Amino acid sequence: MVRRTFACHYLQNGAAVTDLQAILGHSNLATTQVYARMFDERMRASIRALDYGMGTTPKSAEPAKVNEAI
């Protein structure tokens, strides 16, 4: 858990994935990119939460519009 937290915070602060790869000792960059994907997903979730809190509803949460002209 500490390793994952460190990796996400490291990337969040603008570090390169290749630098993180060297620190973690990964021989394959794809292994390190797992942390980058986790970071991207956390960013998207945070943005969605902010959008919802600011009164803008994400498109998937908006109710379907009903045609009122009958």
PDB file of N, CA and C in Angstrom:
ATOM      1  N   MET A   1       0.826  -1.189   0.000  1.00  0.00           N
ATOM      2  CA  MET A   1       0.000   0.000   0.000  1.00  0.00           C
ATOM      3  C   MET A   1       0.875   1.259   0.000  1.00  0.00           C
ATOM      4  N   VAL A   2       1.945   1.257   0.761  1.00  0.00           N
ATOM      5  CA  VAL A   2       2.824   2.433   0.817  1.00  0.00           C
ATOM      6  C   VAL A   2       3.487   2.647  -0.537  1.00  0.00           C
ATOM      7  N   ARG A   3       3.861   1.572  -1.191  1.00  0.00           N
ATOM      8  CA  ARG A   3       4.498   1.654  -2.504  1.00  0.00           C
ATOM      9  C   ARG A   3       3.544   2.284  -3.531  1.00  0.00           C
ATOM     10  N   ARG A   4       2.303   1.852  -3.526  1.00  0.00           N
ATOM     11  CA  ARG A   4       1.291   2.382  -4.447  1.00  0.00           C
ATOM     12  C   ARG A   4       1.021   3.857  -4.162  1.00  0.00           C
ATOM     13  N   THR A   5       0.895   4.203  -2.886  1.00  0.00           N
ATOM     14  CA  THR A   5       0.649   5.590  -2.500  1.00  0.00           C
ATOM     15  C   THR A   5       1.813   6.481  -2.930  1.00  0.00           C
ATOM     16  N   PHE A   6       3.033   6.006  -2.677  1.00  0.00           N
ATOM     17  CA  PHE A   6       4.215   6.766  -3.087  1.00  0.00           C
ATOM     18  C   PHE A   6       4.206   6.986  -4.597  1.00  0.00           C
ATOM     19  N   ALA A   7       3.945   5.932  -5.356  1.00  0.00           N
ATOM     20  CA  ALA A   7       3.967   6.023  -6.822  1.00  0.00           C
ATOM     21  C   ALA A   7       2.932   7.028  -7.324  1.00  0.00           C
ATOM     22  N   CYS A   8       1.740   6.974  -6.782  1.00  0.00           N
ATOM     23  CA  CYS A   8       0.692   7.907  -7.220  1.00  0.00           C
ATOM     24  C   CYS A   8       1.047   9.349  -6.871  1.00  0.00           C
ATOM     25  N   HIS A   9       1.555   9.571  -5.676  1.00  0.00           N
ATOM     26  CA  HIS A   9       1.948  10.927  -5.272  1.00  0.00           C
ATOM     27  C   HIS A   9       3.130  11.430  -6.098  1.00  0.00           C
ATOM     28  N   TYR A  10       4.044  10.538  -6.393  1.00  0.00           N
ATOM     29  CA  TYR A  10       5.218  10.894  -7.195  1.00  0.00           C
ATOM     30  C   TYR A  10       4.777  11.373  -8.578  1.00  0.00           C
ATOM     31  N   LEU A  11       3.868  10.629  -9.202  1.00  0.00           N
ATOM     32  CA  LEU A  11       3.365  11.028 -10.524  1.00  0.00           C
ATOM     33  C   LEU A  11       2.506  12.290 -10.442  1.00  0.00           C
ATOM     34  N   GLN A  12       1.748  12.411  -9.378  1.00  0.00           N
ATOM     35  CA  GLN A  12       0.889  13.580  -9.184  1.00  0.00           C
ATOM     36  C   GLN A  12       1.712  14.859  -9.119  1.00  0.00           C
ATOM     37  N   ASN A  13       2.925  14.754  -8.623  1.00  0.00           N
ATOM     38  CA  ASN A  13       3.788  15.925  -8.504  1.00  0.00           C
ATOM     39  C   ASN A  13       4.615  16.181  -9.748  1.00  0.00           C
ATOM     40  N   GLY A  14       4.261  15.508 -10.842  1.00  0.00           N
ATOM     41  CA  GLY A  14       4.877  15.822 -12.126  1.00  0.00           C
ATOM     42  C   GLY A  14       6.089  15.009 -12.519  1.00  0.00           C
ATOM     43  N   ALA A  15       6.379  13.949 -11.819  1.00  0.00           N
ATOM     44  CA  ALA A  15       7.541  13.133 -12.162  1.00  0.00           C
ATOM     45  C   ALA A  15       7.274  12.308 -13.416  1.00  0.00           C
ATOM     46  N   ALA A  16       8.332  11.947 -14.089  1.00  0.00           N
ATOM     47  CA  ALA A  16       8.229  11.115 -15.292  1.00  0.00           C
ATOM     48  C   ALA A  16       8.044   9.658 -14.899  1.00  0.00           C
ATOM     49  N   VAL A  17       7.288   8.942 -15.702  1.00  0.00           N
ATOM     50  CA  VAL A  17       7.041   7.522 -15.436  1.00  0.00           C
ATOM     51  C   VAL A  17       8.345   6.730 -15.495  1.00  0.00           C
ATOM     52  N   THR A  18       9.244   7.145 -16.376  1.00  0.00           N
ATOM     53  CA  THR A  18      10.523   6.434 -16.482  1.00  0.00           C
ATOM     54  C   THR A  18      11.374   6.613 -15.219  1.00  0.00           C
ATOM     55  N   ASP A  19      11.278   7.772 -14.579  1.00  0.00           N
ATOM     56  CA  ASP A  19      11.984   7.976 -13.306  1.00  0.00           C
ATOM     57  C   ASP A  19      11.400   7.066 -12.231  1.00  0.00           C
ATOM     58  N   LEU A  20      10.077   6.971 -12.216  1.00  0.00           N
ATOM     59  CA  LEU A  20       9.421   6.093 -11.246  1.00  0.00           C
ATOM     60  C   LEU A  20       9.810   4.644 -11.498  1.00  0.00           C
ATOM     61  N   GLN A  21       9.937   4.266 -12.759  1.00  0.00           N
ATOM     62  CA  GLN A  21      10.349   2.915 -13.117  1.00  0.00           C
ATOM     63  C   GLN A  21      11.709   2.590 -12.499  1.00  0.00           C
ATOM     64  N   ALA A  22      12.642   3.532 -12.589  1.00  0.00           N
ATOM     65  CA  ALA A  22      13.979   3.317 -12.036  1.00  0.00           C
ATOM     66  C   ALA A  22      13.935   3.209 -10.513  1.00  0.00           C
ATOM     67  N   ILE A  23      13.142   4.065  -9.875  1.00  0.00           N
ATOM     68  CA  ILE A  23      13.042   4.050  -8.415  1.00  0.00           C
ATOM     69  C   ILE A  23      12.457   2.735  -7.913  1.00  0.00           C
ATOM     70  N   LEU A  24      11.406   2.258  -8.601  1.00  0.00           N
ATOM     71  CA  LEU A  24      10.740   1.032  -8.175  1.00  0.00           C
ATOM     72  C   LEU A  24      11.478  -0.232  -8.610  1.00  0.00           C
ATOM     73  N   GLY A  25      12.436  -0.073  -9.520  1.00  0.00           N
ATOM     74  CA  GLY A  25      13.223  -1.223  -9.961  1.00  0.00           C
ATOM     75  C   GLY A  25      12.508  -2.113 -10.961  1.00  0.00           C
ATOM     76  N   HIS A  26      11.566  -1.567 -11.697  1.00  0.00           N
ATOM     77  CA  HIS A  26      10.860  -2.353 -12.705  1.00  0.00           C
ATOM     78  C   HIS A  26      11.704  -2.463 -13.964  1.00  0.00           C
ATOM     79  N   SER A  27      11.812  -3.661 -14.516  1.00  0.00           N
ATOM     80  CA  SER A  27      12.557  -3.835 -15.761  1.00  0.00           C
ATOM     81  C   SER A  27      11.682  -3.524 -16.970  1.00  0.00           C
ATOM     82  N   ASN A  28      10.373  -3.619 -16.799  1.00  0.00           N
ATOM     83  CA  ASN A  28       9.434  -3.388 -17.889  1.00  0.00           C
ATOM     84  C   ASN A  28       8.606  -2.139 -17.583  1.00  0.00           C
ATOM     85  N   LEU A  29       8.557  -1.200 -18.525  1.00  0.00           N
ATOM     86  CA  LEU A  29       7.819   0.045 -18.325  1.00  0.00           C
ATOM     87  C   LEU A  29       6.317  -0.211 -18.146  1.00  0.00           C
ATOM     88  N   ALA A  30       5.805  -1.248 -18.775  1.00  0.00           N
ATOM     89  CA  ALA A  30       4.373  -1.570 -18.655  1.00  0.00           C
ATOM     90  C   ALA A  30       3.985  -1.826 -17.199  1.00  0.00           C
ATOM     91  N   THR A  31       4.879  -2.386 -16.440  1.00  0.00           N
ATOM     92  CA  THR A  31       4.610  -2.627 -15.013  1.00  0.00           C
ATOM     93  C   THR A  31       4.429  -1.313 -14.284  1.00  0.00           C
ATOM     94  N   THR A  32       5.250  -0.334 -14.595  1.00  0.00           N
ATOM     95  CA  THR A  32       5.175   0.972 -13.950  1.00  0.00           C
ATOM     96  C   THR A  32       3.956   1.758 -14.408  1.00  0.00           C
ATOM     97  N   GLN A  33       3.554   1.567 -15.645  1.00  0.00           N
ATOM     98  CA  GLN A  33       2.421   2.306 -16.184  1.00  0.00           C
ATOM     99  C   GLN A  33       1.113   1.957 -15.490  1.00  0.00           C
ATOM    100  N   VAL A  34       1.068   0.874 -14.762  1.00  0.00           N
ATOM    101  CA  VAL A  34      -0.110   0.542 -13.966  1.00  0.00           C
ATOM    102  C   VAL A  34      -0.393   1.673 -12.972  1.00  0.00           C
ATOM    103  N   TYR A  35       0.668   2.220 -12.390  1.00  0.00           N
ATOM    104  CA  TYR A  35       0.512   3.322 -11.434  1.00  0.00           C
ATOM    105  C   TYR A  35       0.009   4.582 -12.137  1.00  0.00           C
ATOM    106  N   ALA A  36       0.462   4.812 -13.355  1.00  0.00           N
ATOM    107  CA  ALA A  36       0.003   5.978 -14.114  1.00  0.00           C
ATOM    108  C   ALA A  36      -1.484   5.859 -14.417  1.00  0.00           C
ATOM    109  N   ARG A  37      -1.944   4.663 -14.767  1.00  0.00           N
ATOM    110  CA  ARG A  37      -3.375   4.469 -15.033  1.00  0.00           C
ATOM    111  C   ARG A  37      -4.190   4.670 -13.763  1.00  0.00           C
ATOM    112  N   MET A  38      -3.669   4.209 -12.626  1.00  0.00           N
ATOM    113  CA  MET A  38      -4.370   4.415 -11.354  1.00  0.00           C
ATOM    114  C   MET A  38      -4.493   5.908 -11.067  1.00  0.00           C
ATOM    115  N   PHE A  39      -3.410   6.642 -11.323  1.00  0.00           N
ATOM    116  CA  PHE A  39      -3.413   8.077 -11.100  1.00  0.00           C
ATOM    117  C   PHE A  39      -4.423   8.762 -12.015  1.00  0.00           C
ATOM    118  N   ASP A  40      -4.454   8.371 -13.300  1.00  0.00           N
ATOM    119  CA  ASP A  40      -5.406   8.962 -14.252  1.00  0.00           C
ATOM    120  C   ASP A  40      -6.840   8.726 -13.805  1.00  0.00           C
ATOM    121  N   GLU A  41      -7.133   7.540 -13.342  1.00  0.00           N
ATOM    122  CA  GLU A  41      -8.496   7.215 -12.916  1.00  0.00           C
ATOM    123  C   GLU A  41      -8.886   8.024 -11.670  1.00  0.00           C
ATOM    124  N   ARG A  42      -7.952   8.217 -10.750  1.00  0.00           N
ATOM    125  CA  ARG A  42      -8.230   9.023  -9.550  1.00  0.00           C
ATOM    126  C   ARG A  42      -8.489  10.471  -9.932  1.00  0.00           C
ATOM    127  N   MET A  43      -7.748  10.978 -10.929  1.00  0.00           N
ATOM    128  CA  MET A  43      -7.951  12.352 -11.393  1.00  0.00           C
ATOM    129  C   MET A  43      -9.341  12.500 -12.007  1.00  0.00           C
ATOM    130  N   ARG A  44      -9.733  11.543 -12.847  1.00  0.00           N
ATOM    131  CA  ARG A  44     -11.061  11.604 -13.468  1.00  0.00           C
ATOM    132  C   ARG A  44     -12.159  11.579 -12.407  1.00  0.00           C
ATOM    133  N   ALA A  45     -12.010  10.738 -11.396  1.00  0.00           N
ATOM    134  CA  ALA A  45     -13.011  10.653 -10.332  1.00  0.00           C
ATOM    135  C   ALA A  45     -13.086  11.967  -9.559  1.00  0.00           C
ATOM    136  N   SER A  46     -11.949  12.585  -9.310  1.00  0.00           N
ATOM    137  CA  SER A  46     -11.936  13.867  -8.602  1.00  0.00           C
ATOM    138  C   SER A  46     -12.607  14.961  -9.412  1.00  0.00           C
ATOM    139  N   ILE A  47     -12.338  14.973 -10.698  1.00  0.00           N
ATOM    140  CA  ILE A  47     -12.948  15.976 -11.575  1.00  0.00           C
ATOM    141  C   ILE A  47     -14.458  15.776 -11.639  1.00  0.00           C
ATOM    142  N   ARG A  48     -14.902  14.520 -11.742  1.00  0.00           N
ATOM    143  CA  ARG A  48     -16.343  14.249 -11.754  1.00  0.00           C
ATOM    144  C   ARG A  48     -16.987  14.738 -10.467  1.00  0.00           C
ATOM    145  N   ALA A  49     -16.331  14.510  -9.333  1.00  0.00           N
ATOM    146  CA  ALA A  49     -16.877  14.952  -8.047  1.00  0.00           C
ATOM    147  C   ALA A  49     -16.964  16.469  -7.987  1.00  0.00           C
ATOM    148  N   LEU A  50     -15.954  17.151  -8.493  1.00  0.00           N
ATOM    149  CA  LEU A  50     -15.976  18.617  -8.509  1.00  0.00           C
ATOM    150  C   LEU A  50     -17.060  19.135  -9.441  1.00  0.00           C
ATOM    151  N   ASP A  51     -17.187  18.534 -10.620  1.00  0.00           N
ATOM    152  CA  ASP A  51     -18.225  18.952 -11.552  1.00  0.00           C
ATOM    153  C   ASP A  51     -19.599  18.815 -10.911  1.00  0.00           C
ATOM    154  N   TYR A  52     -19.832  17.706 -10.263  1.00  0.00           N
ATOM    155  CA  TYR A  52     -21.128  17.458  -9.632  1.00  0.00           C
ATOM    156  C   TYR A  52     -21.368  18.453  -8.483  1.00  0.00           C
ATOM    157  N   GLY A  53     -20.322  18.740  -7.713  1.00  0.00           N
ATOM    158  CA  GLY A  53     -20.437  19.666  -6.591  1.00  0.00           C
ATOM    159  C   GLY A  53     -20.638  21.102  -7.016  1.00  0.00           C
ATOM    160  N   MET A  54     -20.188  21.448  -8.230  1.00  0.00           N
ATOM    161  CA  MET A  54     -20.313  22.815  -8.737  1.00  0.00           C
ATOM    162  C   MET A  54     -21.656  23.035  -9.426  1.00  0.00           C
ATOM    163  N   GLY A  55     -22.508  22.022  -9.428  1.00  0.00           N
ATOM    164  CA  GLY A  55     -23.819  22.177 -10.026  1.00  0.00           C
ATOM    165  C   GLY A  55     -23.899  21.749 -11.469  1.00  0.00           C
ATOM    166  N   THR A  56     -22.785  21.316 -12.027  1.00  0.00           N
ATOM    167  CA  THR A  56     -22.829  20.790 -13.387  1.00  0.00           C
ATOM    168  C   THR A  56     -22.909  19.282 -13.287  1.00  0.00           C
ATOM    169  N   THR A  57     -23.933  18.736 -13.857  1.00  0.00           N
ATOM    170  CA  THR A  57     -24.154  17.308 -13.766  1.00  0.00           C
ATOM    171  C   THR A  57     -23.494  16.618 -14.951  1.00  0.00           C
ATOM    172  N   PRO A  58     -22.750  15.549 -14.699  1.00  0.00           N
ATOM    173  CA  PRO A  58     -22.168  14.810 -15.817  1.00  0.00           C
ATOM    174  C   PRO A  58     -23.264  14.301 -16.746  1.00  0.00           C
ATOM    175  N   LYS A  59     -22.979  14.223 -18.030  1.00  0.00           N
ATOM    176  CA  LYS A  59     -23.966  13.824 -19.034  1.00  0.00           C
ATOM    177  C   LYS A  59     -24.637  12.497 -18.685  1.00  0.00           C
ATOM    178  N   SER A  60     -23.887  11.545 -18.148  1.00  0.00           N
ATOM    179  CA  SER A  60     -24.460  10.237 -17.846  1.00  0.00           C
ATOM    180  C   SER A  60     -25.462  10.304 -16.702  1.00  0.00           C
ATOM    181  N   ALA A  61     -25.422  11.343 -15.893  1.00  0.00           N
ATOM    182  CA  ALA A  61     -26.325  11.455 -14.749  1.00  0.00           C
ATOM    183  C   ALA A  61     -27.544  12.326 -15.048  1.00  0.00           C
ATOM    184  N   GLU A  62     -27.562  12.976 -16.204  1.00  0.00           N
ATOM    185  CA  GLU A  62     -28.691  13.830 -16.542  1.00  0.00           C
ATOM    186  C   GLU A  62     -29.892  12.989 -16.942  1.00  0.00           C
ATOM    187  N   PRO A  63     -31.077  13.349 -16.478  1.00  0.00           N
ATOM    188  CA  PRO A  63     -32.272  12.601 -16.888  1.00  0.00           C
ATOM    189  C   PRO A  63     -32.576  12.868 -18.364  1.00  0.00           C
ATOM    190  N   ALA A  64     -33.210  11.914 -18.984  1.00  0.00           N
ATOM    191  CA  ALA A  64     -33.579  12.081 -20.387  1.00  0.00           C
ATOM    192  C   ALA A  64     -34.623  13.172 -20.519  1.00  0.00           C
ATOM    193  N   LYS A  65     -34.526  13.992 -21.556  1.00  0.00           N
ATOM    194  CA  LYS A  65     -35.489  15.069 -21.770  1.00  0.00           C
ATOM    195  C   LYS A  65     -36.743  14.501 -22.407  1.00  0.00           C
ATOM    196  N   VAL A  66     -37.864  14.952 -21.946  1.00  0.00           N
ATOM    197  CA  VAL A  66     -39.144  14.478 -22.441  1.00  0.00           C
ATOM    198  C   VAL A  66     -39.713  15.506 -23.408  1.00  0.00           C
ATOM    199  N   ASN A  67     -40.231  15.054 -24.513  1.00  0.00           N
ATOM    200  CA  ASN A  67     -40.813  15.948 -25.496  1.00  0.00           C
ATOM    201  C   ASN A  67     -42.176  16.402 -24.978  1.00  0.00           C
ATOM    202  N   GLU A  68     -42.292  17.681 -24.648  1.00  0.00           N
ATOM    203  CA  GLU A  68     -43.519  18.198 -24.051  1.00  0.00           C
ATOM    204  C   GLU A  68     -44.517  18.668 -25.091  1.00  0.00           C
ATOM    205  N   ALA A  69     -44.127  18.731 -26.341  1.00  0.00           N
ATOM    206  CA  ALA A  69     -45.049  19.183 -27.403  1.00  0.00           C
ATOM    207  C   ALA A  69     -45.913  18.017 -27.860  1.00  0.00           C
ATOM    208  N   ILE A  70     -47.131  17.982 -27.380  1.00  0.00           N
ATOM    209  CA  ILE A  70     -48.062  16.894 -27.768  1.00  0.00           C
ATOM    210  C   ILE A  70     -49.233  17.466 -28.491  1.00  0.00           C
TER     211      ILE A  70
END
